[in-house]
N, C-alpha and C. Protein backbone atom coordinates (compact mmCIF):
# COMPACT_ATOMS: atom_id res chain seq x y z
N ASN A 1 0.84 -1.19 0.00
CA ASN A 1 0.00 0.00 0.00
C ASN A 1 0.88 1.25 0.00
N SER A 2 0.26 2.38 -0.24
CA SER A 2 1.02 3.61 -0.41
C SER A 2 1.78 4.03 0.85
N ILE A 3 1.28 3.67 2.02
CA ILE A 3 2.01 4.03 3.26
C ILE A 3 3.32 3.25 3.33
N GLU A 4 3.25 1.95 3.05
CA GLU A 4 4.48 1.14 3.06
C GLU A 4 5.47 1.63 1.99
N ILE A 5 4.95 1.96 0.82
CA ILE A 5 5.80 2.47 -0.26
C ILE A 5 6.41 3.81 0.14
N TRP A 6 5.60 4.66 0.76
CA TRP A 6 6.07 5.96 1.23
C TRP A 6 7.21 5.79 2.23
N ILE A 7 7.07 4.85 3.15
CA ILE A 7 8.12 4.62 4.15
C ILE A 7 9.42 4.21 3.45
N GLY A 8 9.31 3.30 2.49
CA GLY A 8 10.49 2.86 1.75
C GLY A 8 11.14 3.99 0.96
N ALA A 9 10.33 4.76 0.27
CA ALA A 9 10.85 5.88 -0.53
C ALA A 9 11.48 6.93 0.37
N SER A 10 10.89 7.17 1.52
CA SER A 10 11.42 8.15 2.47
C SER A 10 12.79 7.74 2.98
N LYS A 11 12.93 6.45 3.27
CA LYS A 11 14.23 5.95 3.75
C LYS A 11 15.31 6.17 2.70
N GLU A 12 14.98 5.92 1.43
CA GLU A 12 15.95 6.11 0.34
C GLU A 12 16.41 7.56 0.25
N LYS A 13 15.52 8.49 0.57
CA LYS A 13 15.82 9.92 0.40
C LYS A 13 16.07 10.64 1.72
N ASN A 14 16.14 9.88 2.82
CA ASN A 14 16.34 10.48 4.14
C ASN A 14 15.29 11.55 4.47
N ILE A 15 14.04 11.23 4.19
CA ILE A 15 12.90 12.11 4.49
C ILE A 15 12.18 11.52 5.70
N ASP A 16 11.68 12.37 6.59
CA ASP A 16 10.92 11.90 7.74
C ASP A 16 9.57 11.37 7.28
N TRP A 17 9.40 10.06 7.30
CA TRP A 17 8.16 9.47 6.80
C TRP A 17 6.97 9.76 7.70
N PHE A 18 7.20 10.10 8.95
CA PHE A 18 6.10 10.30 9.90
C PHE A 18 5.43 11.66 9.73
N ASP A 19 5.99 12.53 8.92
CA ASP A 19 5.43 13.86 8.66
C ASP A 19 4.30 13.72 7.63
N THR A 20 3.06 13.94 8.06
CA THR A 20 1.91 13.74 7.17
C THR A 20 1.92 14.70 5.98
N GLU A 21 2.46 15.90 6.16
CA GLU A 21 2.52 16.85 5.04
C GLU A 21 3.42 16.31 3.93
N ASN A 22 4.51 15.65 4.31
CA ASN A 22 5.39 15.04 3.30
C ASN A 22 4.66 13.92 2.57
N TYR A 23 3.91 13.10 3.29
CA TYR A 23 3.14 12.02 2.67
C TYR A 23 2.13 12.60 1.68
N LYS A 24 1.45 13.66 2.08
CA LYS A 24 0.45 14.27 1.21
C LYS A 24 1.09 14.83 -0.06
N LYS A 25 2.29 15.37 0.05
CA LYS A 25 3.02 15.85 -1.14
C LYS A 25 3.38 14.68 -2.04
N PHE A 26 3.76 13.55 -1.44
CA PHE A 26 4.09 12.35 -2.19
C PHE A 26 2.89 11.86 -2.98
N ILE A 27 1.74 11.76 -2.33
CA ILE A 27 0.52 11.30 -3.01
C ILE A 27 0.10 12.30 -4.08
N ALA A 28 0.19 13.59 -3.80
CA ALA A 28 -0.14 14.60 -4.80
C ALA A 28 0.75 14.45 -6.03
N PHE A 29 2.03 14.17 -5.83
CA PHE A 29 2.97 13.95 -6.93
C PHE A 29 2.54 12.74 -7.77
N LEU A 30 2.19 11.65 -7.10
CA LEU A 30 1.77 10.45 -7.83
C LEU A 30 0.48 10.68 -8.61
N LEU A 31 -0.49 11.36 -7.99
CA LEU A 31 -1.75 11.66 -8.67
C LEU A 31 -1.53 12.59 -9.86
N LYS A 32 -0.69 13.60 -9.67
CA LYS A 32 -0.40 14.56 -10.75
C LYS A 32 0.24 13.85 -11.95
N ASN A 33 1.03 12.83 -11.66
CA ASN A 33 1.72 12.09 -12.71
C ASN A 33 0.92 10.88 -13.19
N ASN A 34 -0.36 10.86 -12.84
CA ASN A 34 -1.31 9.84 -13.32
C ASN A 34 -0.91 8.40 -13.02
N LEU A 35 -0.28 8.19 -11.87
CA LEU A 35 0.02 6.82 -11.47
C LEU A 35 -1.30 6.10 -11.20
N ASN A 36 -1.45 4.93 -11.74
CA ASN A 36 -2.67 4.16 -11.56
C ASN A 36 -2.71 3.61 -10.14
N MET A 37 -3.60 4.18 -9.31
CA MET A 37 -3.72 3.78 -7.91
C MET A 37 -5.20 3.58 -7.59
N LYS A 38 -5.46 2.67 -6.68
CA LYS A 38 -6.82 2.45 -6.21
C LYS A 38 -6.90 2.82 -4.73
N GLN A 39 -7.84 3.75 -4.43
CA GLN A 39 -7.99 4.18 -3.05
C GLN A 39 -8.50 3.01 -2.20
N MET A 40 -7.97 2.89 -0.99
CA MET A 40 -8.38 1.81 -0.11
C MET A 40 -8.45 2.35 1.32
N SER A 41 -9.09 1.59 2.17
CA SER A 41 -9.16 2.03 3.56
C SER A 41 -7.81 1.79 4.22
N ILE A 42 -7.49 2.68 5.15
CA ILE A 42 -6.24 2.54 5.90
C ILE A 42 -6.46 1.47 6.96
N CYS A 43 -5.60 0.47 6.97
CA CYS A 43 -5.84 -0.63 7.89
C CYS A 43 -4.58 -1.05 8.64
N PHE A 44 -4.36 -0.42 9.76
CA PHE A 44 -3.36 -0.88 10.71
C PHE A 44 -4.14 -1.14 11.98
N ASP A 45 -4.29 -2.36 12.32
CA ASP A 45 -5.17 -2.76 13.41
C ASP A 45 -4.64 -2.31 14.77
N GLU A 46 -5.55 -2.23 15.72
CA GLU A 46 -5.25 -1.72 17.06
C GLU A 46 -4.11 -2.48 17.73
N SER A 47 -3.96 -3.76 17.42
CA SER A 47 -2.91 -4.55 18.05
C SER A 47 -1.58 -4.41 17.30
N ASP A 48 -1.58 -3.70 16.19
CA ASP A 48 -0.38 -3.57 15.38
C ASP A 48 0.66 -2.72 16.11
N LYS A 49 1.73 -3.34 16.49
CA LYS A 49 2.80 -2.63 17.21
C LYS A 49 3.97 -2.34 16.28
N VAL A 50 3.76 -2.48 14.98
CA VAL A 50 4.84 -2.30 14.02
C VAL A 50 5.30 -0.85 14.03
N THR A 51 6.60 -0.69 14.19
CA THR A 51 7.18 0.64 14.14
C THR A 51 8.28 0.66 13.09
N GLU A 52 8.55 1.83 12.62
CA GLU A 52 9.61 2.02 11.63
C GLU A 52 10.34 3.29 12.04
N GLY A 53 11.59 3.17 12.34
CA GLY A 53 12.36 4.34 12.76
C GLY A 53 11.84 4.97 14.03
N GLY A 54 11.28 4.16 14.91
CA GLY A 54 10.77 4.67 16.19
C GLY A 54 9.37 5.23 16.13
N HIS A 55 8.73 5.21 14.96
CA HIS A 55 7.37 5.72 14.83
C HIS A 55 6.40 4.58 14.56
N SER A 56 5.18 4.72 15.06
CA SER A 56 4.14 3.72 14.85
C SER A 56 3.41 3.96 13.54
N LYS A 57 3.31 2.92 12.73
CA LYS A 57 2.57 3.02 11.47
C LYS A 57 1.09 3.28 11.75
N ARG A 58 0.56 2.67 12.80
CA ARG A 58 -0.84 2.88 13.16
C ARG A 58 -1.09 4.33 13.54
N ALA A 59 -0.19 4.92 14.33
CA ALA A 59 -0.35 6.33 14.72
C ALA A 59 -0.31 7.23 13.50
N PHE A 60 0.58 6.91 12.55
CA PHE A 60 0.66 7.69 11.31
C PHE A 60 -0.63 7.58 10.52
N ALA A 61 -1.15 6.36 10.38
CA ALA A 61 -2.40 6.14 9.65
C ALA A 61 -3.55 6.89 10.31
N ASN A 62 -3.59 6.92 11.63
CA ASN A 62 -4.64 7.64 12.35
C ASN A 62 -4.53 9.15 12.11
N LYS A 63 -3.31 9.66 12.05
CA LYS A 63 -3.11 11.09 11.76
C LYS A 63 -3.62 11.40 10.35
N LEU A 64 -3.33 10.53 9.39
CA LEU A 64 -3.79 10.75 8.02
C LEU A 64 -5.31 10.70 7.92
N ALA A 65 -5.91 9.77 8.64
CA ALA A 65 -7.37 9.59 8.57
C ALA A 65 -8.12 10.85 9.00
N ALA A 66 -7.51 11.67 9.81
CA ALA A 66 -8.17 12.89 10.29
C ALA A 66 -8.31 13.95 9.19
N PHE A 67 -7.54 13.85 8.12
CA PHE A 67 -7.56 14.89 7.08
C PHE A 67 -8.72 14.78 6.10
N LYS A 68 -9.11 13.59 5.71
CA LYS A 68 -10.25 13.37 4.82
C LYS A 68 -10.11 14.04 3.45
N ASP A 69 -8.94 13.95 2.84
CA ASP A 69 -8.79 14.43 1.46
C ASP A 69 -8.00 13.38 0.66
N GLU A 70 -8.01 13.51 -0.65
CA GLU A 70 -7.42 12.45 -1.48
C GLU A 70 -5.92 12.31 -1.27
N ASN A 71 -5.24 13.39 -0.88
CA ASN A 71 -3.80 13.31 -0.66
C ASN A 71 -3.43 12.64 0.66
N SER A 72 -4.39 12.48 1.55
CA SER A 72 -4.10 11.80 2.81
C SER A 72 -4.68 10.38 2.83
N SER A 73 -5.22 9.95 1.72
CA SER A 73 -5.78 8.60 1.63
C SER A 73 -4.67 7.57 1.44
N CYS A 74 -5.05 6.32 1.63
CA CYS A 74 -4.15 5.20 1.38
C CYS A 74 -4.55 4.58 0.05
N TYR A 75 -3.58 4.16 -0.73
CA TYR A 75 -3.83 3.61 -2.06
C TYR A 75 -3.12 2.29 -2.24
N SER A 76 -3.71 1.49 -3.10
CA SER A 76 -3.06 0.27 -3.56
C SER A 76 -2.28 0.65 -4.82
N ILE A 77 -1.01 0.28 -4.85
CA ILE A 77 -0.14 0.64 -5.98
C ILE A 77 0.55 -0.62 -6.48
N LYS A 78 0.44 -0.86 -7.78
CA LYS A 78 1.15 -1.98 -8.39
C LYS A 78 2.60 -1.57 -8.61
N LEU A 79 3.52 -2.38 -8.09
CA LEU A 79 4.94 -2.04 -8.20
C LEU A 79 5.57 -2.70 -9.41
N ASN A 80 5.37 -2.06 -10.56
CA ASN A 80 6.08 -2.51 -11.77
C ASN A 80 7.24 -1.54 -12.01
N ASP A 81 8.07 -1.82 -12.99
CA ASP A 81 9.27 -1.01 -13.22
C ASP A 81 8.95 0.47 -13.45
N GLY A 82 7.93 0.76 -14.25
CA GLY A 82 7.57 2.14 -14.54
C GLY A 82 7.10 2.88 -13.30
N ASN A 83 6.30 2.23 -12.48
CA ASN A 83 5.80 2.87 -11.25
C ASN A 83 6.94 3.10 -10.26
N ILE A 84 7.83 2.13 -10.14
CA ILE A 84 8.97 2.30 -9.24
C ILE A 84 9.85 3.47 -9.70
N GLU A 85 10.05 3.57 -11.00
CA GLU A 85 10.84 4.68 -11.56
C GLU A 85 10.20 6.03 -11.21
N LEU A 86 8.88 6.13 -11.37
CA LEU A 86 8.19 7.37 -11.04
C LEU A 86 8.29 7.67 -9.54
N ILE A 87 8.06 6.68 -8.71
CA ILE A 87 8.14 6.86 -7.26
C ILE A 87 9.51 7.39 -6.86
N ARG A 88 10.54 6.89 -7.48
CA ARG A 88 11.91 7.32 -7.15
C ARG A 88 12.20 8.74 -7.62
N LYS A 89 11.38 9.28 -8.50
CA LYS A 89 11.57 10.67 -8.96
C LYS A 89 11.03 11.68 -7.96
N PHE A 90 10.22 11.24 -7.01
CA PHE A 90 9.65 12.17 -6.04
C PHE A 90 10.76 12.79 -5.20
N ASP A 91 10.64 14.09 -4.97
CA ASP A 91 11.53 14.80 -4.06
C ASP A 91 10.75 15.97 -3.48
N LEU A 92 11.14 16.37 -2.29
CA LEU A 92 10.45 17.49 -1.63
C LEU A 92 10.88 18.81 -2.20
């Protein structure tokens, strides 16, 4: 999903993945570049203790859910070569 992809892309570029504004810029970039994505519900369950870099993925998803706009949504993204190339072009 786009949150997991965002975390990976952020690590490659040394960007703070827990910053929701950065995530929203990432999604806006993908939408602007017509990446084929399907909106999905954000699903990190209450028992999910998964953290990345000291931050909780569930806490991040909950912060995003409060915004209610397309740039803060979670998406399903097919990771083919072209999509990976586009994702790697993102920069703040």
